[in-house]
Protein backbone atom coordinates (compact mmCIF):
# COMPACT_ATOMS: atom_id res chain seq x y z
CA MET A 1 100.20 133.17 49.15
CA GLU A 2 99.14 129.72 50.32
CA LEU A 3 101.43 127.69 52.60
CA VAL A 4 101.66 124.03 53.56
CA ILE A 5 103.62 123.40 56.74
CA ILE A 6 104.91 119.91 57.52
CA ALA A 7 107.58 118.31 59.71
CA ASP A 8 108.65 114.94 61.07
CA THR A 9 107.68 112.96 57.98
CA HIS A 10 110.16 110.16 58.81
CA LEU A 11 109.80 108.49 55.39
CA PRO A 12 110.02 105.57 54.79
CA LYS A 13 110.38 104.54 58.44
CA ARG A 14 106.99 105.74 59.76
CA ALA A 15 105.10 105.56 56.45
CA ARG A 16 105.92 104.63 52.88
CA GLU A 17 104.47 107.81 51.41
CA LEU A 18 102.94 111.11 52.44
CA PRO A 19 99.15 110.81 52.73
CA ALA A 20 97.18 111.82 49.62
CA PRO A 21 95.57 114.89 51.28
CA VAL A 22 99.05 116.25 52.07
CA TRP A 23 100.17 115.78 48.46
CA ALA A 24 97.00 117.51 47.25
CA ALA A 25 97.69 120.45 49.56
CA ILE A 26 101.31 120.60 48.38
CA ASP A 27 100.22 120.65 44.74
CA ALA A 28 97.88 123.60 45.47
CA ALA A 29 100.29 125.60 47.66
CA ASP A 30 102.61 128.40 46.68
CA VAL A 31 105.19 127.45 49.32
CA VAL A 32 105.89 124.30 51.33
CA LEU A 33 107.74 124.66 54.63
CA HIS A 34 109.30 121.44 56.01
CA ALA A 35 110.78 121.61 59.52
CA GLY A 36 113.02 118.56 59.34
CA ASP A 37 113.22 114.83 60.04
CA TRP A 38 112.72 113.79 56.44
CA VAL A 39 114.88 110.66 57.06
CA ASP A 40 115.27 109.71 53.37
CA VAL A 41 116.42 112.03 50.60
CA SER A 42 113.77 110.66 48.22
CA LEU A 43 111.10 112.85 49.86
CA LEU A 44 113.26 115.94 49.40
CA ASP A 45 113.65 115.02 45.72
CA ALA A 46 109.89 114.50 45.33
CA LEU A 47 109.03 117.78 47.06
CA GLU A 48 111.55 119.68 44.95
CA ARG A 49 109.81 118.30 41.85
CA ARG A 50 106.22 118.97 42.99
CA ALA A 51 106.29 122.04 45.21
CA HIS A 52 106.15 125.47 43.57
CA ARG A 53 108.65 126.60 46.21
CA LEU A 54 110.21 124.56 49.02
CA VAL A 55 111.83 125.85 52.19
CA GLY A 56 113.25 123.09 54.35
CA VAL A 57 115.75 122.31 57.08
CA TYR A 58 117.33 119.13 58.35
CA GLY A 59 116.38 117.49 61.63
CA ASN A 60 118.13 115.30 64.16
CA ASN A 61 117.15 112.10 62.27
CA ASP A 62 118.50 113.33 58.93
CA GLY A 63 121.80 111.93 57.72
CA PRO A 64 124.71 113.37 55.75
CA GLU A 65 122.96 113.39 52.36
CA LEU A 66 120.11 115.56 53.64
CA ARG A 67 122.42 117.74 55.73
CA ALA A 68 124.51 118.43 52.64
CA ARG A 69 121.46 119.82 50.83
CA LEU A 70 119.53 121.53 53.64
CA PRO A 71 120.43 124.15 56.26
CA GLU A 72 119.90 123.80 59.99
CA VAL A 73 117.95 127.08 59.95
CA ALA A 74 116.21 128.70 56.97
CA GLU A 75 115.15 132.34 56.96
CA VAL A 76 112.96 133.69 54.15
CA GLU A 77 110.52 136.48 53.44
CA LEU A 78 107.14 135.42 52.09
CA ALA A 79 104.85 138.20 50.87
CA GLY A 80 106.37 140.49 53.50
CA LEU A 81 106.23 137.93 56.34
CA ARG A 82 109.64 137.26 57.88
CA VAL A 83 109.85 133.49 58.47
CA ALA A 84 112.38 131.19 60.13
CA VAL A 85 112.27 127.39 59.97
CA VAL A 86 114.19 125.16 62.38
CA HIS A 87 113.75 121.60 63.61
CA GLU A 88 114.35 121.82 67.36
CA THR A 89 113.49 124.59 69.81
CA GLY A 90 114.19 122.83 73.12
CA PRO A 91 111.77 122.08 75.95
CA LYS A 92 108.20 123.36 76.02
CA ALA A 93 108.82 125.45 79.15
CA GLY A 94 110.19 128.84 78.14
CA ARG A 95 109.94 128.13 74.39
CA GLU A 96 108.38 131.47 73.43
CA ARG A 97 110.96 133.50 75.36
CA ARG A 98 113.93 131.49 73.98
CA CYS A 99 112.68 131.62 70.41
CA ALA A 100 111.91 135.35 70.54
CA ALA A 101 115.49 135.95 71.73
CA ARG A 102 116.95 133.67 69.03
CA PHE A 103 114.82 135.08 66.18
CA PRO A 104 114.21 138.74 67.11
CA ASP A 105 113.74 139.91 63.52
CA ARG A 106 111.22 137.21 62.46
CA ASP A 107 107.40 137.25 62.45
CA LEU A 108 106.91 133.47 62.25
CA LEU A 109 108.93 130.50 63.47
CA VAL A 110 108.06 127.06 62.12
CA PHE A 111 109.53 124.14 64.04
CA GLY A 112 109.16 120.38 64.43
CA HIS A 113 110.73 117.60 66.50
CA SER A 114 107.97 116.97 69.06
CA HIS A 115 105.30 115.64 66.65
CA ILE A 116 102.88 117.75 68.73
CA PRO A 117 100.95 120.57 67.03
CA TRP A 118 101.75 123.94 68.56
CA ASP A 119 100.46 127.47 67.95
CA SER A 120 101.53 130.26 70.29
CA GLN A 121 102.77 133.81 70.29
CA ALA A 122 105.84 135.12 72.07
CA PRO A 123 106.06 138.51 73.74
CA GLY A 124 106.98 140.91 70.96
CA GLY A 125 104.76 139.13 68.44
CA LEU A 126 106.74 136.12 67.15
CA ARG A 127 104.24 133.39 66.16
CA LEU A 128 105.39 129.81 66.75
CA LEU A 129 103.88 126.96 64.73
CA ASN A 130 104.55 123.23 64.82
CA PRO A 131 102.45 121.18 62.37
CA GLY A 132 102.82 117.88 64.25
CA SER A 133 103.50 114.97 61.90
CA PRO A 134 101.48 113.72 58.92
CA THR A 135 102.94 110.22 59.25
CA ASP A 136 103.88 109.57 62.90
CA ARG A 137 101.28 110.79 65.38
CA ARG A 138 103.02 109.18 68.36
CA ALA A 139 100.73 109.83 71.36
CA GLN A 140 98.59 112.37 69.49
CA PRO A 141 95.05 111.39 68.47
CA TYR A 142 95.68 112.27 64.80
CA ALA A 143 98.47 112.70 62.30
CA THR A 144 98.48 116.38 61.31
CA TYR A 145 99.78 119.14 59.08
CA LEU A 146 99.09 122.87 58.74
CA THR A 147 97.99 125.21 55.99
CA ALA A 148 98.05 128.99 56.17
CA ARG A 149 97.75 132.10 54.06
CA VAL A 150 100.15 135.05 53.91
CA ALA A 151 99.12 138.45 52.58
CA ALA A 152 100.74 141.85 52.98
CA GLY A 153 103.13 140.59 55.63
CA ARG A 154 100.43 138.99 57.76
CA LEU A 155 99.71 135.35 58.51
CA ASP A 156 96.07 134.30 58.59
CA ARG A 157 93.81 131.30 58.04
CA VAL A 158 96.14 128.98 59.94
CA GLU A 159 94.40 125.61 59.89
CA LEU A 160 95.40 122.34 61.54
CA HIS A 161 94.39 119.39 59.36
CA ARG A 162 93.75 116.01 60.97
CA LEU A 163 94.39 112.99 58.80
CA PRO A 164 92.27 109.85 58.93
CA PRO A 165 93.86 106.85 60.64
CA ARG A 166 95.89 104.59 58.35
């Protein structure tokens, strides 16, 4: 099972559209995980049309229309991998410990908010991934997103993709 992991798209405020490489990855993926801050419902509509399966949550910049259609936290099982998606996880310091306590029965936590790519593992095995942002790199050198593969309950081939400057 092939995954695309995105967050903090902020459309149309930070960009008018997702970059073409992200759309190509979405078209090829089995599941798209979006960790919030969509900003406009039109991206949710487009992803629902194009993605084979979409798992998304709302973020702090998402208004009532998105909050009516998306949960704050999504929990799913993907090919045996127990996944949670949430927008905010709090400060960097202590993140692994806090998240392991909040999601004790999950294997993977996907989060956003910081626009900073993150890949770590908490005591007990919870993997934490933040894809950064494909549209708003802030102080990061590149706009980014993640792809990964899930098989038999295991996550592998996690790859951070850097997008060319706009």
